[in-house]
PDB file of all heavy atoms in Angstrom:
ATOM      1  N   ARG A   1     195.390 134.543 221.275  1.00  0.00           N
ATOM      2  CA  ARG A   1     193.863 134.393 221.195  1.00  0.00           C
ATOM      3  C   ARG A   1     193.473 133.328 222.049  1.00  0.00           C
ATOM      4  O   ARG A   1     192.301 133.388 222.674  1.00  0.00           O
ATOM      5  CB  ARG A   1     193.519 134.086 219.771  1.00  0.00           C
ATOM      6  CG  ARG A   1     192.128 133.726 219.471  1.00  0.00           C
ATOM      7  CD  ARG A   1     191.041 134.779 219.269  1.00  0.00           C
ATOM      8  NE  ARG A   1     191.447 135.976 218.705  1.00  0.00           N
ATOM      9  CZ  ARG A   1     191.091 136.290 217.374  1.00  0.00           C
ATOM     10  NH1 ARG A   1     190.379 135.580 216.572  1.00  0.00           N
ATOM     11  NH2 ARG A   1     191.541 137.439 216.955  1.00  0.00           N
ATOM     12  N   ILE A   2     194.192 132.226 222.055  1.00  0.00           N
ATOM     13  CA  ILE A   2     193.797 131.053 223.006  1.00  0.00           C
ATOM     14  C   ILE A   2     193.925 131.452 224.539  1.00  0.00           C
ATOM     15  O   ILE A   2     192.995 131.340 225.246  1.00  0.00           O
ATOM     16  CB  ILE A   2     194.764 129.844 222.873  1.00  0.00           C
ATOM     17  CG1 ILE A   2     194.496 129.244 221.481  1.00  0.00           C
ATOM     18  CG2 ILE A   2     194.612 128.811 223.893  1.00  0.00           C
ATOM     19  CD1 ILE A   2     195.630 128.181 221.063  1.00  0.00           C
ATOM     20  N   LYS A   3     194.959 132.272 224.814  1.00  0.00           N
ATOM     21  CA  LYS A   3     195.094 132.815 226.291  1.00  0.00           C
ATOM     22  C   LYS A   3     193.953 133.678 226.601  1.00  0.00           C
ATOM     23  O   LYS A   3     193.315 133.545 227.660  1.00  0.00           O
ATOM     24  CB  LYS A   3     196.384 133.405 226.402  1.00  0.00           C
ATOM     25  CG  LYS A   3     197.537 132.511 226.422  1.00  0.00           C
ATOM     26  CD  LYS A   3     198.839 133.308 226.586  1.00  0.00           C
ATOM     27  CE  LYS A   3     200.051 132.495 226.478  1.00  0.00           C
ATOM     28  NZ  LYS A   3     201.278 133.253 226.523  1.00  0.00           N
ATOM     29  N   ARG A   4     193.620 134.632 225.707  1.00  0.00           N
ATOM     30  CA  ARG A   4     192.679 135.642 226.001  1.00  0.00           C
ATOM     31  C   ARG A   4     191.155 134.904 226.027  1.00  0.00           C
ATOM     32  O   ARG A   4     190.427 135.169 226.978  1.00  0.00           O
ATOM     33  CB  ARG A   4     192.614 136.622 224.988  1.00  0.00           C
ATOM     34  CG  ARG A   4     191.487 137.761 225.145  1.00  0.00           C
ATOM     35  CD  ARG A   4     191.643 138.830 224.160  1.00  0.00           C
ATOM     36  NE  ARG A   4     191.335 138.466 222.934  1.00  0.00           N
ATOM     37  CZ  ARG A   4     192.065 138.626 221.755  1.00  0.00           C
ATOM     38  NH1 ARG A   4     193.283 139.260 221.943  1.00  0.00           N
ATOM     39  NH2 ARG A   4     191.759 138.151 220.676  1.00  0.00           N
ATOM     40  N   THR A   5     190.984 133.993 225.181  1.00  0.00           N
ATOM     41  CA  THR A   5     189.611 133.308 225.144  1.00  0.00           C
ATOM     42  C   THR A   5     189.440 132.408 226.323  1.00  0.00           C
ATOM     43  O   THR A   5     188.426 132.375 227.039  1.00  0.00           O
ATOM     44  CB  THR A   5     189.427 132.482 223.833  1.00  0.00           C
ATOM     45  OG1 THR A   5     189.762 133.350 222.677  1.00  0.00           O
ATOM     46  CG2 THR A   5     188.118 131.841 223.771  1.00  0.00           C
ATOM     47  N   HIS A   6     190.586 131.849 226.718  1.00  0.00           N
ATOM     48  CA  HIS A   6     190.511 130.956 227.886  1.00  0.00           C
ATOM     49  C   HIS A   6     190.303 131.789 229.239  1.00  0.00           C
ATOM     50  O   HIS A   6     189.500 131.653 230.128  1.00  0.00           O
ATOM     51  CB  HIS A   6     191.722 130.113 228.165  1.00  0.00           C
ATOM     52  CG  HIS A   6     191.589 129.142 229.365  1.00  0.00           C
ATOM     53  ND1 HIS A   6     192.165 129.574 230.524  1.00  0.00           N
ATOM     54  CD2 HIS A   6     191.039 128.039 229.571  1.00  0.00           C
ATOM     55  CE1 HIS A   6     191.907 128.576 231.466  1.00  0.00           C
ATOM     56  NE2 HIS A   6     191.134 127.686 230.829  1.00  0.00           N
ATOM     57  N   ARG A   7     191.025 133.020 229.371  1.00  0.00           N
ATOM     58  CA  ARG A   7     190.888 133.886 230.440  1.00  0.00           C
ATOM     59  C   ARG A   7     189.509 134.480 230.534  1.00  0.00           C
ATOM     60  O   ARG A   7     188.879 134.431 231.727  1.00  0.00           O
ATOM     61  CB  ARG A   7     191.904 134.999 230.225  1.00  0.00           C
ATOM     62  CG  ARG A   7     191.963 135.854 231.451  1.00  0.00           C
ATOM     63  CD  ARG A   7     193.180 136.973 231.370  1.00  0.00           C
ATOM     64  NE  ARG A   7     193.191 137.613 230.250  1.00  0.00           N
ATOM     65  CZ  ARG A   7     194.135 137.468 229.242  1.00  0.00           C
ATOM     66  NH1 ARG A   7     195.033 136.622 229.310  1.00  0.00           N
ATOM     67  NH2 ARG A   7     193.910 138.232 228.043  1.00  0.00           N
ATOM     68  N   ARG A   8     188.950 134.785 229.406  1.00  0.00           N
ATOM     69  CA  ARG A   8     187.557 135.266 229.469  1.00  0.00           C
ATOM     70  C   ARG A   8     186.512 134.276 229.902  1.00  0.00           C
ATOM     71  O   ARG A   8     185.525 134.500 230.654  1.00  0.00           O
ATOM     72  CB  ARG A   8     187.171 135.799 228.130  1.00  0.00           C
ATOM     73  CG  ARG A   8     187.810 137.188 227.727  1.00  0.00           C
ATOM     74  CD  ARG A   8     187.445 137.552 226.329  1.00  0.00           C
ATOM     75  NE  ARG A   8     187.959 138.906 225.907  1.00  0.00           N
ATOM     76  CZ  ARG A   8     188.023 139.350 224.773  1.00  0.00           C
ATOM     77  NH1 ARG A   8     187.486 138.748 223.797  1.00  0.00           N
ATOM     78  NH2 ARG A   8     188.558 140.566 224.544  1.00  0.00           N
ATOM     79  N   MET A   9     186.620 132.993 229.417  1.00  0.00           N
ATOM     80  CA  MET A   9     185.756 132.028 229.778  1.00  0.00           C
ATOM     81  C   MET A   9     185.921 131.744 231.320  1.00  0.00           C
ATOM     82  O   MET A   9     184.985 131.531 232.070  1.00  0.00           O
ATOM     83  CB  MET A   9     186.057 130.544 228.987  1.00  0.00           C
ATOM     84  CG  MET A   9     185.063 129.523 229.327  1.00  0.00           C
ATOM     85  SD  MET A   9     185.784 127.981 229.220  1.00  0.00           S
ATOM     86  CE  MET A   9     187.109 128.056 230.338  1.00  0.00           C
ATOM     87  N   ALA A  10     187.286 131.652 231.749  1.00  0.00           N
ATOM     88  CA  ALA A  10     187.480 131.377 233.244  1.00  0.00           C
ATOM     89  C   ALA A  10     186.910 132.580 234.055  1.00  0.00           C
ATOM     90  O   ALA A  10     186.393 132.210 235.201  1.00  0.00           O
ATOM     91  CB  ALA A  10     188.980 131.233 233.438  1.00  0.00           C
ATOM     92  N   SER A  11     186.900 133.783 233.613  1.00  0.00           N
ATOM     93  CA  SER A  11     186.338 134.770 234.389  1.00  0.00           C
ATOM     94  C   SER A  11     184.845 134.683 234.421  1.00  0.00           C
ATOM     95  O   SER A  11     184.196 135.123 235.577  1.00  0.00           O
ATOM     96  CB  SER A  11     186.774 136.149 233.859  1.00  0.00           C
ATOM     97  OG  SER A  11     186.100 136.524 232.627  1.00  0.00           O
ATOM     98  N   VAL A  12     184.304 134.271 233.514  1.00  0.00           N
ATOM     99  CA  VAL A  12     182.753 134.043 233.503  1.00  0.00           C
ATOM    100  C   VAL A  12     182.368 132.913 234.400  1.00  0.00           C
ATOM    101  O   VAL A  12     181.461 132.902 235.186  1.00  0.00           O
ATOM    102  CB  VAL A  12     182.169 133.801 232.055  1.00  0.00           C
ATOM    103  CG1 VAL A  12     180.693 133.372 232.262  1.00  0.00           C
ATOM    104  CG2 VAL A  12     182.253 135.007 231.239  1.00  0.00           C
ATOM    105  N   ALA A  13     183.373 131.856 234.423  1.00  0.00           N
ATOM    106  CA  ALA A  13     183.037 130.767 235.263  1.00  0.00           C
ATOM    107  C   ALA A  13     183.286 131.038 236.743  1.00  0.00           C
ATOM    108  O   ALA A  13     182.830 130.289 237.604  1.00  0.00           O
ATOM    109  CB  ALA A  13     183.884 129.522 234.889  1.00  0.00           C
ATOM    110  N   GLU A  14     184.212 132.085 237.061  1.00  0.00           N
ATOM    111  CA  GLU A  14     184.459 132.249 238.403  1.00  0.00           C
ATOM    112  C   GLU A  14     183.194 132.753 239.190  1.00  0.00           C
ATOM    113  O   GLU A  14     182.491 133.612 238.877  1.00  0.00           O
ATOM    114  CB  GLU A  14     185.487 133.550 238.515  1.00  0.00           C
ATOM    115  CG  GLU A  14     185.962 133.806 239.791  1.00  0.00           C
ATOM    116  CD  GLU A  14     187.099 134.824 239.646  1.00  0.00           C
ATOM    117  OE1 GLU A  14     188.018 134.734 238.781  1.00  0.00           O
ATOM    118  OE2 GLU A  14     187.073 135.712 240.588  1.00  0.00           O
ATOM    119  N   GLY A  15     183.026 131.979 240.298  1.00  0.00           N
ATOM    120  CA  GLY A  15     181.835 132.344 241.137  1.00  0.00           C
ATOM    121  C   GLY A  15     180.614 131.508 240.802  1.00  0.00           C
ATOM    122  O   GLY A  15     179.672 131.520 241.584  1.00  0.00           O
ATOM    123  N   LEU A  16     180.636 130.760 239.771  1.00  0.00           N
ATOM    124  CA  LEU A  16     179.520 130.037 239.298  1.00  0.00           C
ATOM    125  C   LEU A  16     179.608 128.552 239.931  1.00  0.00           C
ATOM    126  O   LEU A  16     180.810 128.110 240.168  1.00  0.00           O
ATOM    127  CB  LEU A  16     179.398 129.806 237.769  1.00  0.00           C
ATOM    128  CG  LEU A  16     179.147 131.104 237.005  1.00  0.00           C
ATOM    129  CD1 LEU A  16     178.946 130.657 235.438  1.00  0.00           C
ATOM    130  CD2 LEU A  16     177.864 131.800 237.451  1.00  0.00           C
ATOM    131  N   ASP A  17     178.590 128.010 240.232  1.00  0.00           N
ATOM    132  CA  ASP A  17     178.548 126.642 240.621  1.00  0.00           C
ATOM    133  C   ASP A  17     177.231 125.951 240.103  1.00  0.00           C
ATOM    134  O   ASP A  17     176.524 126.549 239.382  1.00  0.00           O
ATOM    135  CB  ASP A  17     178.677 126.432 242.118  1.00  0.00           C
ATOM    136  CG  ASP A  17     177.544 127.127 242.920  1.00  0.00           C
ATOM    137  OD1 ASP A  17     176.431 127.287 242.294  1.00  0.00           O
ATOM    138  OD2 ASP A  17     177.778 127.428 244.138  1.00  0.00           O
ATOM    139  N   SER A  18     176.984 124.785 240.559  1.00  0.00           N
ATOM    140  CA  SER A  18     175.817 124.065 240.023  1.00  0.00           C
ATOM    141  C   SER A  18     174.465 124.614 240.392  1.00  0.00           C
ATOM    142  O   SER A  18     173.476 124.221 239.825  1.00  0.00           O
ATOM    143  CB  SER A  18     175.940 122.488 240.483  1.00  0.00           C
ATOM    144  OG  SER A  18     175.871 122.494 242.012  1.00  0.00           O
ATOM    145  N   ARG A  19     174.501 125.524 241.388  1.00  0.00           N
ATOM    146  CA  ARG A  19     173.238 126.234 241.821  1.00  0.00           C
ATOM    147  C   ARG A  19     173.103 127.610 241.028  1.00  0.00           C
ATOM    148  O   ARG A  19     172.058 128.176 241.349  1.00  0.00           O
ATOM    149  CB  ARG A  19     173.236 126.463 243.315  1.00  0.00           C
ATOM    150  CG  ARG A  19     173.339 125.095 244.106  1.00  0.00           C
ATOM    151  CD  ARG A  19     173.346 125.226 245.516  1.00  0.00           C
ATOM    152  NE  ARG A  19     174.382 126.248 245.984  1.00  0.00           N
ATOM    153  CZ  ARG A  19     175.602 125.923 246.267  1.00  0.00           C
ATOM    154  NH1 ARG A  19     176.037 124.713 246.227  1.00  0.00           N
ATOM    155  NH2 ARG A  19     176.533 126.886 246.638  1.00  0.00           N
ATOM    156  N   SER A  20     173.903 127.892 240.186  1.00  0.00           N
ATOM    157  CA  SER A  20     173.880 129.346 239.546  1.00  0.00           C
ATOM    158  C   SER A  20     172.686 129.339 238.686  1.00  0.00           C
ATOM    159  O   SER A  20     172.231 128.316 238.135  1.00  0.00           O
ATOM    160  CB  SER A  20     175.240 129.523 238.764  1.00  0.00           C
ATOM    161  OG  SER A  20     176.227 129.668 239.658  1.00  0.00           O
ATOM    162  N   PRO A  21     172.163 130.493 238.387  1.00  0.00           N
ATOM    163  CA  PRO A  21     171.015 130.818 237.522  1.00  0.00           C
ATOM    164  C   PRO A  21     171.308 130.199 236.046  1.00  0.00           C
ATOM    165  O   PRO A  21     172.476 130.318 235.635  1.00  0.00           O
ATOM    166  CB  PRO A  21     170.753 132.239 237.457  1.00  0.00           C
ATOM    167  CG  PRO A  21     171.383 132.745 238.756  1.00  0.00           C
ATOM    168  CD  PRO A  21     172.543 131.859 239.049  1.00  0.00           C
ATOM    169  N   ALA A  22     170.375 129.779 235.381  1.00  0.00           N
ATOM    170  CA  ALA A  22     170.563 129.118 234.066  1.00  0.00           C
ATOM    171  C   ALA A  22     171.093 130.189 233.109  1.00  0.00           C
ATOM    172  O   ALA A  22     171.893 129.916 232.090  1.00  0.00           O
ATOM    173  CB  ALA A  22     169.161 128.657 233.457  1.00  0.00           C
ATOM    174  N   THR A  23     170.719 131.495 233.251  1.00  0.00           N
ATOM    175  CA  THR A  23     171.174 132.558 232.424  1.00  0.00           C
ATOM    176  C   THR A  23     172.662 132.682 232.427  1.00  0.00           C
ATOM    177  O   THR A  23     173.432 132.979 231.497  1.00  0.00           O
ATOM    178  CB  THR A  23     170.454 133.868 232.594  1.00  0.00           C
ATOM    179  OG1 THR A  23     170.496 134.148 234.029  1.00  0.00           O
ATOM    180  CG2 THR A  23     169.075 133.772 232.304  1.00  0.00           C
ATOM    181  N   GLU A  24     173.200 132.690 233.670  1.00  0.00           N
ATOM    182  CA  GLU A  24     174.621 132.821 233.951  1.00  0.00           C
ATOM    183  C   GLU A  24     175.386 131.656 233.398  1.00  0.00           C
ATOM    184  O   GLU A  24     176.521 131.750 232.929  1.00  0.00           O
ATOM    185  CB  GLU A  24     174.920 132.966 235.393  1.00  0.00           C
ATOM    186  CG  GLU A  24     174.458 134.415 235.847  1.00  0.00           C
ATOM    187  CD  GLU A  24     174.718 134.553 237.320  1.00  0.00           C
ATOM    188  OE1 GLU A  24     175.610 133.950 237.855  1.00  0.00           O
ATOM    189  OE2 GLU A  24     174.007 135.427 237.886  1.00  0.00           O
ATOM    190  N   LEU A  25     174.920 130.479 233.544  1.00  0.00           N
ATOM    191  CA  LEU A  25     175.401 129.222 232.973  1.00  0.00           C
ATOM    192  C   LEU A  25     175.395 129.262 231.537  1.00  0.00           C
ATOM    193  O   LEU A  25     176.304 128.854 230.885  1.00  0.00           O
ATOM    194  CB  LEU A  25     174.710 127.993 233.499  1.00  0.00           C
ATOM    195  CG  LEU A  25     174.722 127.663 234.989  1.00  0.00           C
ATOM    196  CD1 LEU A  25     173.945 126.416 235.416  1.00  0.00           C
ATOM    197  CD2 LEU A  25     176.199 127.537 235.502  1.00  0.00           C
ATOM    198  N   HIS A  26     174.371 129.835 230.698  1.00  0.00           N
ATOM    199  CA  HIS A  26     174.412 130.033 229.501  1.00  0.00           C
ATOM    200  C   HIS A  26     175.480 130.914 229.003  1.00  0.00           C
ATOM    201  O   HIS A  26     176.181 130.560 227.819  1.00  0.00           O
ATOM    202  CB  HIS A  26     173.006 130.546 229.053  1.00  0.00           C
ATOM    203  CG  HIS A  26     172.836 130.536 227.528  1.00  0.00           C
ATOM    204  ND1 HIS A  26     172.895 129.311 226.671  1.00  0.00           N
ATOM    205  CD2 HIS A  26     172.665 131.392 226.630  1.00  0.00           C
ATOM    206  CE1 HIS A  26     172.745 129.617 225.494  1.00  0.00           C
ATOM    207  NE2 HIS A  26     172.531 130.931 225.381  1.00  0.00           N
ATOM    208  N   ALA A  27     175.788 131.994 229.643  1.00  0.00           N
ATOM    209  CA  ALA A  27     176.942 132.876 229.379  1.00  0.00           C
ATOM    210  C   ALA A  27     178.211 132.187 229.330  1.00  0.00           C
ATOM    211  O   ALA A  27     179.086 132.286 228.436  1.00  0.00           O
ATOM    212  CB  ALA A  27     176.932 134.069 230.284  1.00  0.00           C
ATOM    213  N   LEU A  28     178.455 131.204 230.241  1.00  0.00           N
ATOM    214  CA  LEU A  28     179.578 130.289 230.359  1.00  0.00           C
ATOM    215  C   LEU A  28     179.662 129.498 229.064  1.00  0.00           C
ATOM    216  O   LEU A  28     180.687 129.290 228.556  1.00  0.00           O
ATOM    217  CB  LEU A  28     179.555 129.546 231.599  1.00  0.00           C
ATOM    218  CG  LEU A  28     180.724 128.541 231.874  1.00  0.00           C
ATOM    219  CD1 LEU A  28     182.099 129.209 231.670  1.00  0.00           C
ATOM    220  CD2 LEU A  28     180.652 127.923 233.080  1.00  0.00           C
ATOM    221  N   ARG A  29     178.511 128.880 228.736  1.00  0.00           N
ATOM    222  CA  ARG A  29     178.469 128.009 227.660  1.00  0.00           C
ATOM    223  C   ARG A  29     178.893 128.719 226.421  1.00  0.00           C
ATOM    224  O   ARG A  29     179.602 128.076 225.554  1.00  0.00           O
ATOM    225  CB  ARG A  29     177.002 127.470 227.422  1.00  0.00           C
ATOM    226  CG  ARG A  29     176.850 126.508 226.337  1.00  0.00           C
ATOM    227  CD  ARG A  29     175.420 126.061 226.262  1.00  0.00           C
ATOM    228  NE  ARG A  29     175.179 125.147 225.089  1.00  0.00           N
ATOM    229  CZ  ARG A  29     174.107 125.187 224.366  1.00  0.00           C
ATOM    230  NH1 ARG A  29     173.178 125.993 224.626  1.00  0.00           N
ATOM    231  NH2 ARG A  29     173.995 124.304 223.329  1.00  0.00           N
ATOM    232  N   ILE A  30     178.442 129.996 226.185  1.00  0.00           N
ATOM    233  CA  ILE A  30     178.863 130.639 225.035  1.00  0.00           C
ATOM    234  C   ILE A  30     180.414 130.795 225.036  1.00  0.00           C
ATOM    235  O   ILE A  30     181.064 130.741 224.005  1.00  0.00           O
ATOM    236  CB  ILE A  30     178.080 131.992 224.933  1.00  0.00           C
ATOM    237  CG1 ILE A  30     176.608 131.725 224.642  1.00  0.00           C
ATOM    238  CG2 ILE A  30     178.696 132.942 223.911  1.00  0.00           C
ATOM    239  CD1 ILE A  30     175.724 132.903 224.829  1.00  0.00           C
ATOM    240  N   ARG A  31     180.988 131.276 226.124  1.00  0.00           N
ATOM    241  CA  ARG A  31     182.290 131.513 226.205  1.00  0.00           C
ATOM    242  C   ARG A  31     183.212 130.237 226.001  1.00  0.00           C
ATOM    243  O   ARG A  31     184.351 130.304 225.385  1.00  0.00           O
ATOM    244  CB  ARG A  31     182.797 132.041 227.548  1.00  0.00           C
ATOM    245  CG  ARG A  31     182.447 133.560 227.849  1.00  0.00           C
ATOM    246  CD  ARG A  31     183.134 134.304 226.833  1.00  0.00           C
ATOM    247  NE  ARG A  31     182.807 135.659 226.940  1.00  0.00           N
ATOM    248  CZ  ARG A  31     183.254 136.680 226.269  1.00  0.00           C
ATOM    249  NH1 ARG A  31     184.039 136.430 225.327  1.00  0.00           N
ATOM    250  NH2 ARG A  31     182.792 137.955 226.444  1.00  0.00           N
ATOM    251  N   ALA A  32     182.563 128.967 226.600  1.00  0.00           N
ATOM    252  CA  ALA A  32     183.207 127.780 226.305  1.00  0.00           C
ATOM    253  C   ALA A  32     183.304 127.494 224.824  1.00  0.00           C
ATOM    254  O   ALA A  32     184.216 126.916 224.294  1.00  0.00           O
ATOM    255  CB  ALA A  32     182.563 126.644 227.197  1.00  0.00           C
ATOM    256  N   LYS A  33     182.172 127.665 224.236  1.00  0.00           N
ATOM    257  CA  LYS A  33     182.040 127.493 222.775  1.00  0.00           C
ATOM    258  C   LYS A  33     183.112 128.256 221.968  1.00  0.00           C
ATOM    259  O   LYS A  33     183.787 127.820 221.064  1.00  0.00           O
ATOM    260  CB  LYS A  33     180.602 127.809 222.297  1.00  0.00           C
ATOM    261  CG  LYS A  33     180.277 127.410 220.929  1.00  0.00           C
ATOM    262  CD  LYS A  33     178.884 127.929 220.541  1.00  0.00           C
ATOM    263  CE  LYS A  33     177.897 126.963 221.361  1.00  0.00           C
ATOM    264  NZ  LYS A  33     176.476 127.324 220.867  1.00  0.00           N
ATOM    265  N   HIS A  34     183.341 129.527 222.405  1.00  0.00           N
ATOM    266  CA  HIS A  34     184.356 130.370 221.778  1.00  0.00           C
ATOM    267  C   HIS A  34     185.772 129.766 221.884  1.00  0.00           C
ATOM    268  O   HIS A  34     186.509 129.778 220.839  1.00  0.00           O
ATOM    269  CB  HIS A  34     184.315 131.838 222.291  1.00  0.00           C
ATOM    270  CG  HIS A  34     183.111 132.572 221.969  1.00  0.00           C
ATOM    271  ND1 HIS A  34     182.819 133.878 222.432  1.00  0.00           N
ATOM    272  CD2 HIS A  34     182.048 132.363 221.235  1.00  0.00           C
ATOM    273  CE1 HIS A  34     181.726 134.320 222.161  1.00  0.00           C
ATOM    274  NE2 HIS A  34     181.170 133.473 221.211  1.00  0.00           N
ATOM    275  N   LEU A  35     186.059 129.331 223.053  1.00  0.00           N
ATOM    276  CA  LEU A  35     187.398 128.736 223.248  1.00  0.00           C
ATOM    277  C   LEU A  35     187.483 127.404 222.575  1.00  0.00           C
ATOM    278  O   LEU A  35     188.492 127.174 221.927  1.00  0.00           O
ATOM    279  CB  LEU A  35     187.586 128.335 224.770  1.00  0.00           C
ATOM    280  CG  LEU A  35     188.864 127.728 225.115  1.00  0.00           C
ATOM    281  CD1 LEU A  35     190.023 128.539 224.741  1.00  0.00           C
ATOM    282  CD2 LEU A  35     188.859 127.282 226.620  1.00  0.00           C
ATOM    283  N   ARG A  36     186.475 126.728 222.308  1.00  0.00           N
ATOM    284  CA  ARG A  36     186.507 125.432 221.622  1.00  0.00           C
ATOM    285  C   ARG A  36     186.698 125.764 220.129  1.00  0.00           C
ATOM    286  O   ARG A  36     187.480 125.042 219.402  1.00  0.00           O
ATOM    287  CB  ARG A  36     185.246 124.566 221.769  1.00  0.00           C
ATOM    288  CG  ARG A  36     185.468 123.217 221.318  1.00  0.00           C
ATOM    289  CD  ARG A  36     184.547 122.211 222.033  1.00  0.00           C
ATOM    290  NE  ARG A  36     184.242 121.232 220.850  1.00  0.00           N
ATOM    291  CZ  ARG A  36     183.156 120.659 220.755  1.00  0.00           C
ATOM    292  NH1 ARG A  36     182.099 120.977 221.442  1.00  0.00           N
ATOM    293  NH2 ARG A  36     182.932 119.767 219.759  1.00  0.00           N
TER     294      ARG A  36
END
């Protein structure tokens, strides 16, 4: 579960940076919350 949740979060983070749209950053926030 830890590996899968981290992998999913990392895949959402891939290609994002500080200039990414807020909606995409919010999707990353949700995945990070799941991992936590």
